[in-house]
Amino acid sequence: MNAVSAFAWSVLQDALHRKVFYAILAFSVLLMLLIPMLPSASVGVQVDLLREAALGLTSIMAFLLAVILASTIIPAELGRRTIYNTLSRPVRRWQYYLGKYIGIMVVVAFALFVSLAVLLVMVGAKFGVFNPGLAKAVFTIFLEATVLAAVAMLASVRFSPLVCVLFTGLFYVVCHVKGDFLYRAMTDSGNHALLRGVSGFLYYLLPNLERMNINETVAHSERVFRVGAGELALLAAIALIFSCIFLYLGAWLFERRDL
């Protein structure tokens, strides 16, 4: 695990020296600070709008950081040829792969922590409300980012960064519409048998990322339903299972890549 930790630490150091990290984080925080300028009908609507918009921006920030870092980290080291010196040492490729992934998630977690702190201060300063429940939404945003980063890293073993970003974006969209669009396509008897079969295959194969989207629920003070510890634990288990699957596949492909 010392090797894995070393690779994770190298990712954190690299991210802190990359302009894209600060650009995405600063842009997200700046937009959050501008949200209170939006018009609204009442104080109650204002605070709900602020929380929902800020959580939406946080989701976008986490998506961009996770996908961009995961899509570029291996191709960038291949381009600089630093990966050859690293792998010539007595380390396994899976240690390198896992360490880089963990480092990416540490970077995303740090950015999410900053966003949560800014949001809590904004809500408290403007409305006099301390809303620790926002941490639930930020936690599920992190869970979704773990899956997306694992998918992007898997794709980066074989494809260019641009293709990885596009592929992960498509994966994101499909996994968010599977509960509605894919289910209807799978169960509608009027559809062609091939379409129903493909829809059913994707429906049962892919994770339901929309289930991890509790931003609106939390932003509106969980008035519709409360997100308890059991639901959060289930979402964490789902994210862990799918992340492990994609990480295993990525590490397996990376072990067999000719470098």
C-alpha atoms as a PDB file:
ATOM      1  CA  MET A   1       0.000   0.000   0.000  1.00  0.00           C
ATOM      2  CA  ASN A   2       3.004   2.301   0.315  1.00  0.00           C
ATOM      3  CA  ALA A   3       3.317   2.325  -3.475  1.00  0.00           C
ATOM      4  CA  VAL A   4      -0.409   3.025  -3.907  1.00  0.00           C
ATOM      5  CA  SER A   5      -0.200   5.887  -1.400  1.00  0.00           C
ATOM      6  CA  ALA A   6       2.834   7.334  -3.174  1.00  0.00           C
ATOM      7  CA  PHE A   7       1.039   7.351  -6.526  1.00  0.00           C
ATOM      8  CA  ALA A   8      -2.054   8.907  -4.932  1.00  0.00           C
ATOM      9  CA  TRP A   9       0.082  11.637  -3.349  1.00  0.00           C
ATOM     10  CA  SER A  10       1.724  12.354  -6.708  1.00  0.00           C
ATOM     11  CA  VAL A  11      -1.703  12.940  -8.261  1.00  0.00           C
ATOM     12  CA  LEU A  12      -2.618  15.397  -5.511  1.00  0.00           C
ATOM     13  CA  GLN A  13       0.644  17.276  -5.956  1.00  0.00           C
ATOM     14  CA  ASP A  14       0.189  17.356  -9.721  1.00  0.00           C
ATOM     15  CA  ALA A  15      -3.415  18.592  -9.444  1.00  0.00           C
ATOM     16  CA  LEU A  16      -2.372  21.417  -7.123  1.00  0.00           C
ATOM     17  CA  HIS A  17       0.058  22.584  -9.811  1.00  0.00           C
ATOM     18  CA  ARG A  18      -2.447  22.387 -12.662  1.00  0.00           C
ATOM     19  CA  LYS A  19      -4.325  25.510 -13.710  1.00  0.00           C
ATOM     20  CA  VAL A  20      -7.399  23.513 -14.734  1.00  0.00           C
ATOM     21  CA  PHE A  21      -7.996  22.485 -11.112  1.00  0.00           C
ATOM     22  CA  TYR A  22      -7.992  26.050  -9.829  1.00  0.00           C
ATOM     23  CA  ALA A  23      -9.948  27.297 -12.854  1.00  0.00           C
ATOM     24  CA  ILE A  24     -12.800  24.829 -12.365  1.00  0.00           C
ATOM     25  CA  LEU A  25     -12.900  25.335  -8.595  1.00  0.00           C
ATOM     26  CA  ALA A  26     -12.708  29.135  -8.786  1.00  0.00           C
ATOM     27  CA  PHE A  27     -15.333  29.347 -11.543  1.00  0.00           C
ATOM     28  CA  SER A  28     -17.728  27.158  -9.548  1.00  0.00           C
ATOM     29  CA  VAL A  29     -17.258  29.174  -6.352  1.00  0.00           C
ATOM     30  CA  LEU A  30     -17.672  32.453  -8.270  1.00  0.00           C
ATOM     31  CA  LEU A  31     -20.955  31.303  -9.789  1.00  0.00           C
ATOM     32  CA  MET A  32     -22.142  30.242  -6.329  1.00  0.00           C
ATOM     33  CA  LEU A  33     -21.437  33.722  -4.997  1.00  0.00           C
ATOM     34  CA  LEU A  34     -23.521  35.190  -7.839  1.00  0.00           C
ATOM     35  CA  ILE A  35     -26.560  32.970  -7.167  1.00  0.00           C
ATOM     36  CA  PRO A  36     -28.042  35.269  -4.445  1.00  0.00           C
ATOM     37  CA  MET A  37     -28.489  37.919  -7.151  1.00  0.00           C
ATOM     38  CA  LEU A  38     -31.193  35.777  -8.795  1.00  0.00           C
ATOM     39  CA  PRO A  39     -34.724  37.223  -8.376  1.00  0.00           C
ATOM     40  CA  SER A  40     -37.241  35.219  -6.372  1.00  0.00           C
ATOM     41  CA  ALA A  41     -40.667  35.630  -4.810  1.00  0.00           C
ATOM     42  CA  SER A  42     -39.916  35.112  -1.137  1.00  0.00           C
ATOM     43  CA  VAL A  43     -37.170  34.299   1.322  1.00  0.00           C
ATOM     44  CA  GLY A  44     -38.231  30.647   1.410  1.00  0.00           C
ATOM     45  CA  VAL A  45     -37.991  30.376  -2.363  1.00  0.00           C
ATOM     46  CA  GLN A  46     -34.700  32.257  -2.324  1.00  0.00           C
ATOM     47  CA  VAL A  47     -32.954  29.848   0.012  1.00  0.00           C
ATOM     48  CA  ASP A  48     -34.289  26.819  -1.873  1.00  0.00           C
ATOM     49  CA  LEU A  49     -33.150  28.278  -5.197  1.00  0.00           C
ATOM     50  CA  LEU A  50     -29.732  29.105  -3.805  1.00  0.00           C
ATOM     51  CA  ARG A  51     -29.211  25.631  -2.404  1.00  0.00           C
ATOM     52  CA  GLU A  52     -30.483  23.854  -5.525  1.00  0.00           C
ATOM     53  CA  ALA A  53     -28.456  25.998  -7.936  1.00  0.00           C
ATOM     54  CA  ALA A  54     -25.309  25.720  -5.810  1.00  0.00           C
ATOM     55  CA  LEU A  55     -25.618  21.947  -5.557  1.00  0.00           C
ATOM     56  CA  GLY A  56     -26.125  21.778  -9.318  1.00  0.00           C
ATOM     57  CA  LEU A  57     -22.930  23.744  -9.855  1.00  0.00           C
ATOM     58  CA  THR A  58     -21.144  21.480  -7.399  1.00  0.00           C
ATOM     59  CA  SER A  59     -22.280  18.433  -9.389  1.00  0.00           C
ATOM     60  CA  ILE A  60     -20.939  19.944 -12.618  1.00  0.00           C
ATOM     61  CA  MET A  61     -17.639  20.828 -10.930  1.00  0.00           C
ATOM     62  CA  ALA A  62     -17.234  17.283  -9.578  1.00  0.00           C
ATOM     63  CA  PHE A  63     -18.058  15.799 -12.993  1.00  0.00           C
ATOM     64  CA  LEU A  64     -15.512  17.999 -14.778  1.00  0.00           C
ATOM     65  CA  LEU A  65     -12.738  17.403 -12.256  1.00  0.00           C
ATOM     66  CA  ALA A  66     -13.257  13.647 -12.035  1.00  0.00           C
ATOM     67  CA  VAL A  67     -13.592  13.087 -15.774  1.00  0.00           C
ATOM     68  CA  ILE A  68     -10.859  15.471 -16.950  1.00  0.00           C
ATOM     69  CA  LEU A  69      -8.305  14.220 -14.428  1.00  0.00           C
ATOM     70  CA  ALA A  70      -9.159  10.552 -14.985  1.00  0.00           C
ATOM     71  CA  SER A  71      -9.159  10.918 -18.774  1.00  0.00           C
ATOM     72  CA  THR A  72      -5.808  12.673 -18.975  1.00  0.00           C
ATOM     73  CA  ILE A  73      -3.638  11.269 -16.205  1.00  0.00           C
ATOM     74  CA  ILE A  74      -2.412   8.114 -17.980  1.00  0.00           C
ATOM     75  CA  PRO A  75      -2.207   9.616 -21.521  1.00  0.00           C
ATOM     76  CA  ALA A  76      -0.320  12.633 -20.096  1.00  0.00           C
ATOM     77  CA  GLU A  77       2.299  10.429 -18.438  1.00  0.00           C
ATOM     78  CA  LEU A  78       2.586   8.377 -21.592  1.00  0.00           C
ATOM     79  CA  GLY A  79       3.129  11.561 -23.571  1.00  0.00           C
ATOM     80  CA  ARG A  80       5.827  12.754 -21.161  1.00  0.00           C
ATOM     81  CA  ARG A  81       7.226   9.203 -21.029  1.00  0.00           C
ATOM     82  CA  THR A  82       7.481   9.430 -17.238  1.00  0.00           C
ATOM     83  CA  ILE A  83       5.346   6.315 -16.913  1.00  0.00           C
ATOM     84  CA  TYR A  84       8.181   4.166 -18.272  1.00  0.00           C
ATOM     85  CA  ASN A  85      10.550   5.231 -15.496  1.00  0.00           C
ATOM     86  CA  THR A  86       7.844   4.626 -12.909  1.00  0.00           C
ATOM     87  CA  LEU A  87       6.930   1.157 -14.110  1.00  0.00           C
ATOM     88  CA  SER A  88      10.578   0.134 -14.435  1.00  0.00           C
ATOM     89  CA  ARG A  89      10.728   0.173 -10.632  1.00  0.00           C
ATOM     90  CA  PRO A  90       9.581  -2.780  -8.490  1.00  0.00           C
ATOM     91  CA  VAL A  91       5.899  -1.806  -8.544  1.00  0.00           C
ATOM     92  CA  ARG A  92       2.914  -3.534 -10.073  1.00  0.00           C
ATOM     93  CA  ARG A  93       0.812  -1.864 -12.710  1.00  0.00           C
ATOM     94  CA  TRP A  94      -2.351  -2.307 -10.674  1.00  0.00           C
ATOM     95  CA  GLN A  95      -0.689  -0.393  -7.816  1.00  0.00           C
ATOM     96  CA  TYR A  96       0.051   2.470 -10.181  1.00  0.00           C
ATOM     97  CA  TYR A  97      -3.476   2.385 -11.574  1.00  0.00           C
ATOM     98  CA  LEU A  98      -5.205   2.211  -8.197  1.00  0.00           C
ATOM     99  CA  GLY A  99      -2.955   4.885  -6.697  1.00  0.00           C
ATOM    100  CA  LYS A 100      -3.744   7.314  -9.510  1.00  0.00           C
ATOM    101  CA  TYR A 101      -7.469   6.699  -9.080  1.00  0.00           C
ATOM    102  CA  ILE A 102      -7.341   7.250  -5.317  1.00  0.00           C
ATOM    103  CA  GLY A 103      -5.373  10.463  -5.868  1.00  0.00           C
ATOM    104  CA  ILE A 104      -8.031  11.735  -8.266  1.00  0.00           C
ATOM    105  CA  MET A 105     -10.768  11.041  -5.735  1.00  0.00           C
ATOM    106  CA  VAL A 106      -8.809  12.848  -3.000  1.00  0.00           C
ATOM    107  CA  VAL A 107      -8.620  15.903  -5.276  1.00  0.00           C
ATOM    108  CA  VAL A 108     -12.367  15.724  -5.998  1.00  0.00           C
ATOM    109  CA  ALA A 109     -13.135  15.299  -2.275  1.00  0.00           C
ATOM    110  CA  PHE A 110     -11.041  18.366  -1.437  1.00  0.00           C
ATOM    111  CA  ALA A 111     -12.851  20.464  -4.066  1.00  0.00           C
ATOM    112  CA  LEU A 112     -16.229  19.268  -2.789  1.00  0.00           C
ATOM    113  CA  PHE A 113     -15.263  20.122   0.779  1.00  0.00           C
ATOM    114  CA  VAL A 114     -14.390  23.674  -0.299  1.00  0.00           C
ATOM    115  CA  SER A 115     -17.697  23.982  -2.186  1.00  0.00           C
ATOM    116  CA  LEU A 116     -19.677  22.710   0.801  1.00  0.00           C
ATOM    117  CA  ALA A 117     -17.930  25.155   3.131  1.00  0.00           C
ATOM    118  CA  VAL A 118     -18.677  28.066   0.789  1.00  0.00           C
ATOM    119  CA  LEU A 119     -22.324  27.013   0.460  1.00  0.00           C
ATOM    120  CA  LEU A 120     -22.814  26.656   4.222  1.00  0.00           C
ATOM    121  CA  VAL A 121     -21.296  30.097   4.826  1.00  0.00           C
ATOM    122  CA  MET A 122     -23.430  31.663   2.073  1.00  0.00           C
ATOM    123  CA  VAL A 123     -26.688  30.204   3.384  1.00  0.00           C
ATOM    124  CA  GLY A 124     -25.788  31.086   6.955  1.00  0.00           C
ATOM    125  CA  ALA A 125     -24.703  34.640   6.175  1.00  0.00           C
ATOM    126  CA  LYS A 126     -27.644  35.533   3.931  1.00  0.00           C
ATOM    127  CA  PHE A 127     -30.514  33.692   5.613  1.00  0.00           C
ATOM    128  CA  GLY A 128     -29.219  32.891   9.088  1.00  0.00           C
ATOM    129  CA  VAL A 129     -29.745  29.163   8.456  1.00  0.00           C
ATOM    130  CA  PHE A 130     -27.240  26.445   9.286  1.00  0.00           C
ATOM    131  CA  ASN A 131     -27.971  23.557   6.929  1.00  0.00           C
ATOM    132  CA  PRO A 132     -25.637  20.589   7.615  1.00  0.00           C
ATOM    133  CA  GLY A 133     -27.998  18.373   5.619  1.00  0.00           C
ATOM    134  CA  LEU A 134     -26.349  19.765   2.484  1.00  0.00           C
ATOM    135  CA  ALA A 135     -23.481  17.397   3.248  1.00  0.00           C
ATOM    136  CA  LYS A 136     -25.765  14.505   2.230  1.00  0.00           C
ATOM    137  CA  ALA A 137     -26.089  15.868  -1.305  1.00  0.00           C
ATOM    138  CA  VAL A 138     -22.350  16.591  -1.529  1.00  0.00           C
ATOM    139  CA  PHE A 139     -21.653  13.034  -0.370  1.00  0.00           C
ATOM    140  CA  THR A 140     -23.813  11.540  -3.142  1.00  0.00           C
ATOM    141  CA  ILE A 141     -22.153  13.878  -5.651  1.00  0.00           C
ATOM    142  CA  PHE A 142     -18.834  12.382  -4.543  1.00  0.00           C
ATOM    143  CA  LEU A 143     -20.239   8.856  -4.918  1.00  0.00           C
ATOM    144  CA  GLU A 144     -21.288   9.595  -8.486  1.00  0.00           C
ATOM    145  CA  ALA A 145     -17.847  11.060  -9.202  1.00  0.00           C
ATOM    146  CA  THR A 146     -16.187   7.821  -8.020  1.00  0.00           C
ATOM    147  CA  VAL A 147     -18.089   5.864 -10.674  1.00  0.00           C
ATOM    148  CA  LEU A 148     -17.473   8.411 -13.426  1.00  0.00           C
ATOM    149  CA  ALA A 149     -13.742   8.617 -12.670  1.00  0.00           C
ATOM    150  CA  ALA A 150     -13.463   4.816 -12.785  1.00  0.00           C
ATOM    151  CA  VAL A 151     -15.206   4.764 -16.181  1.00  0.00           C
ATOM    152  CA  ALA A 152     -13.022   7.573 -17.549  1.00  0.00           C
ATOM    153  CA  MET A 153      -9.812   5.865 -16.381  1.00  0.00           C
ATOM    154  CA  LEU A 154     -10.951   2.600 -17.932  1.00  0.00           C
ATOM    155  CA  ALA A 155     -11.478   4.334 -21.266  1.00  0.00           C
ATOM    156  CA  SER A 156      -8.165   6.212 -20.997  1.00  0.00           C
ATOM    157  CA  VAL A 157      -6.213   2.946 -21.143  1.00  0.00           C
ATOM    158  CA  ARG A 158      -7.129   2.592 -24.808  1.00  0.00           C
ATOM    159  CA  PHE A 159      -8.451   5.920 -26.076  1.00  0.00           C
ATOM    160  CA  SER A 160      -7.486   9.579 -26.303  1.00  0.00           C
ATOM    161  CA  PRO A 161      -8.598  12.048 -23.603  1.00  0.00           C
ATOM    162  CA  LEU A 162     -11.231  13.633 -25.870  1.00  0.00           C
ATOM    163  CA  VAL A 163     -12.803  10.267 -26.650  1.00  0.00           C
ATOM    164  CA  CYS A 164     -12.724   9.396 -22.931  1.00  0.00           C
ATOM    165  CA  VAL A 165     -14.552  12.602 -21.990  1.00  0.00           C
ATOM    166  CA  LEU A 166     -17.187  12.059 -24.676  1.00  0.00           C
ATOM    167  CA  PHE A 167     -17.621   8.404 -23.732  1.00  0.00           C
ATOM    168  CA  THR A 168     -17.970   9.210 -20.034  1.00  0.00           C
ATOM    169  CA  GLY A 169     -20.430  11.993 -20.845  1.00  0.00           C
ATOM    170  CA  LEU A 170     -22.538   9.518 -22.817  1.00  0.00           C
ATOM    171  CA  PHE A 171     -22.292   7.043 -19.953  1.00  0.00           C
ATOM    172  CA  TYR A 172     -23.460   9.778 -17.560  1.00  0.00           C
ATOM    173  CA  VAL A 173     -26.504  10.626 -19.671  1.00  0.00           C
ATOM    174  CA  VAL A 174     -27.545   7.003 -20.243  1.00  0.00           C
ATOM    175  CA  CYS A 175     -27.196   6.157 -16.545  1.00  0.00           C
ATOM    176  CA  HIS A 176     -29.376   9.122 -15.619  1.00  0.00           C
ATOM    177  CA  VAL A 177     -32.186   8.250 -18.039  1.00  0.00           C
ATOM    178  CA  LYS A 178     -32.125   4.464 -17.553  1.00  0.00           C
ATOM    179  CA  GLY A 179     -34.821   4.515 -14.890  1.00  0.00           C
ATOM    180  CA  ASP A 180     -37.319   6.171 -17.221  1.00  0.00           C
ATOM    181  CA  PHE A 181     -36.262   6.032 -20.877  1.00  0.00           C
ATOM    182  CA  LEU A 182     -34.595   2.614 -20.914  1.00  0.00           C
ATOM    183  CA  TYR A 183     -37.307   1.023 -18.778  1.00  0.00           C
ATOM    184  CA  ARG A 184     -40.051   2.241 -21.129  1.00  0.00           C
ATOM    185  CA  ALA A 185     -38.064   1.147 -24.192  1.00  0.00           C
ATOM    186  CA  MET A 186     -37.533  -2.261 -22.603  1.00  0.00           C
ATOM    187  CA  THR A 187     -41.171  -2.834 -21.603  1.00  0.00           C
ATOM    188  CA  ASP A 188     -43.007  -1.234 -24.550  1.00  0.00           C
ATOM    189  CA  SER A 189     -44.368  -4.120 -26.618  1.00  0.00           C
ATOM    190  CA  GLY A 190     -44.640  -1.812 -29.626  1.00  0.00           C
ATOM    191  CA  ASN A 191     -40.869  -1.514 -29.915  1.00  0.00           C
ATOM    192  CA  HIS A 192     -38.764  -3.812 -32.058  1.00  0.00           C
ATOM    193  CA  ALA A 193     -37.461  -6.900 -30.261  1.00  0.00           C
ATOM    194  CA  LEU A 194     -33.842  -5.812 -30.853  1.00  0.00           C
ATOM    195  CA  LEU A 195     -34.500  -2.394 -29.297  1.00  0.00           C
ATOM    196  CA  ARG A 196     -36.199  -3.999 -26.303  1.00  0.00           C
ATOM    197  CA  GLY A 197     -33.297  -6.422 -25.907  1.00  0.00           C
ATOM    198  CA  VAL A 198     -30.589  -3.735 -26.087  1.00  0.00           C
ATOM    199  CA  SER A 199     -32.560  -1.492 -23.727  1.00  0.00           C
ATOM    200  CA  GLY A 200     -33.000  -4.337 -21.254  1.00  0.00           C
ATOM    201  CA  PHE A 201     -29.309  -5.239 -21.442  1.00  0.00           C
ATOM    202  CA  LEU A 202     -28.250  -1.652 -20.709  1.00  0.00           C
ATOM    203  CA  TYR A 203     -30.933  -1.254 -18.043  1.00  0.00           C
ATOM    204  CA  TYR A 204     -29.638  -4.153 -15.959  1.00  0.00           C
ATOM    205  CA  LEU A 205     -25.954  -3.612 -16.777  1.00  0.00           C
ATOM    206  CA  LEU A 206     -25.549   0.089 -15.964  1.00  0.00           C
ATOM    207  CA  PRO A 207     -25.872   1.831 -12.579  1.00  0.00           C
ATOM    208  CA  ASN A 208     -28.819   4.147 -11.945  1.00  0.00           C
ATOM    209  CA  LEU A 209     -26.954   7.415 -11.328  1.00  0.00           C
ATOM    210  CA  GLU A 210     -30.209   9.344 -11.130  1.00  0.00           C
ATOM    211  CA  ARG A 211     -30.827   7.654  -7.797  1.00  0.00           C
ATOM    212  CA  MET A 212     -27.733   9.416  -6.473  1.00  0.00           C
ATOM    213  CA  ASN A 213     -29.148  12.796  -7.482  1.00  0.00           C
ATOM    214  CA  ILE A 214     -30.707  14.030  -4.241  1.00  0.00           C
ATOM    215  CA  ASN A 215     -29.860  17.698  -4.850  1.00  0.00           C
ATOM    216  CA  GLU A 216     -33.454  18.857  -5.249  1.00  0.00           C
ATOM    217  CA  THR A 217     -34.639  16.842  -2.258  1.00  0.00           C
ATOM    218  CA  VAL A 218     -31.954  18.243   0.038  1.00  0.00           C
ATOM    219  CA  ALA A 219     -32.265  21.785  -1.358  1.00  0.00           C
ATOM    220  CA  HIS A 220     -35.955  21.784  -0.410  1.00  0.00           C
ATOM    221  CA  SER A 221     -35.194  20.630   3.148  1.00  0.00           C
ATOM    222  CA  GLU A 222     -36.204  17.012   2.421  1.00  0.00           C
ATOM    223  CA  ARG A 223     -39.886  17.921   2.600  1.00  0.00           C
ATOM    224  CA  VAL A 224     -40.906  15.151   0.181  1.00  0.00           C
ATOM    225  CA  PHE A 225     -38.879  12.386   1.833  1.00  0.00           C
ATOM    226  CA  ARG A 226     -35.940  12.221   4.186  1.00  0.00           C
ATOM    227  CA  VAL A 227     -32.632  10.775   3.072  1.00  0.00           C
ATOM    228  CA  GLY A 228     -31.564   8.622   5.984  1.00  0.00           C
ATOM    229  CA  ALA A 229     -28.394   6.756   6.824  1.00  0.00           C
ATOM    230  CA  GLY A 230     -29.776   3.557   5.292  1.00  0.00           C
ATOM    231  CA  GLU A 231     -30.349   5.184   1.896  1.00  0.00           C
ATOM    232  CA  LEU A 232     -26.899   6.800   1.952  1.00  0.00           C
ATOM    233  CA  ALA A 233     -25.303   3.462   2.863  1.00  0.00           C
ATOM    234  CA  LEU A 234     -27.122   1.751  -0.025  1.00  0.00           C
ATOM    235  CA  LEU A 235     -25.975   4.425  -2.486  1.00  0.00           C
ATOM    236  CA  ALA A 236     -22.416   4.106  -1.170  1.00  0.00           C
ATOM    237  CA  ALA A 237     -22.546   0.336  -1.669  1.00  0.00           C
ATOM    238  CA  ILE A 238     -23.827   0.744  -5.245  1.00  0.00           C
ATOM    239  CA  ALA A 239     -21.084   3.263  -6.059  1.00  0.00           C
ATOM    240  CA  LEU A 240     -18.433   1.038  -4.471  1.00  0.00           C
ATOM    241  CA  ILE A 241     -19.532  -2.058  -6.396  1.00  0.00           C
ATOM    242  CA  PHE A 242     -19.610  -0.363  -9.794  1.00  0.00           C
ATOM    243  CA  SER A 243     -16.386   1.573  -9.134  1.00  0.00           C
ATOM    244  CA  CYS A 244     -14.608  -1.673  -8.206  1.00  0.00           C
ATOM    245  CA  ILE A 245     -15.902  -3.376 -11.361  1.00  0.00           C
ATOM    246  CA  PHE A 246     -14.681  -0.581 -13.632  1.00  0.00           C
ATOM    247  CA  LEU A 247     -11.388  -0.297 -11.751  1.00  0.00           C
ATOM    248  CA  TYR A 248     -10.789  -4.025 -12.076  1.00  0.00           C
ATOM    249  CA  LEU A 249     -11.491  -3.920 -15.813  1.00  0.00           C
ATOM    250  CA  GLY A 250      -9.250  -0.880 -16.239  1.00  0.00           C
ATOM    251  CA  ALA A 251      -6.395  -2.402 -14.267  1.00  0.00           C
ATOM    252  CA  TRP A 252      -6.778  -5.661 -16.208  1.00  0.00           C
ATOM    253  CA  LEU A 253      -6.521  -3.816 -19.532  1.00  0.00           C
ATOM    254  CA  PHE A 254      -3.621  -1.718 -18.238  1.00  0.00           C
ATOM    255  CA  GLU A 255      -1.712  -4.855 -17.209  1.00  0.00           C
ATOM    256  CA  ARG A 256      -2.038  -6.169 -20.770  1.00  0.00           C
ATOM    257  CA  ARG A 257      -1.215  -2.965 -22.587  1.00  0.00           C
ATOM    258  CA  ASP A 258       2.077  -3.014 -24.439  1.00  0.00           C
ATOM    259  CA  LEU A 259       4.187  -0.184 -23.012  1.00  0.00           C
END
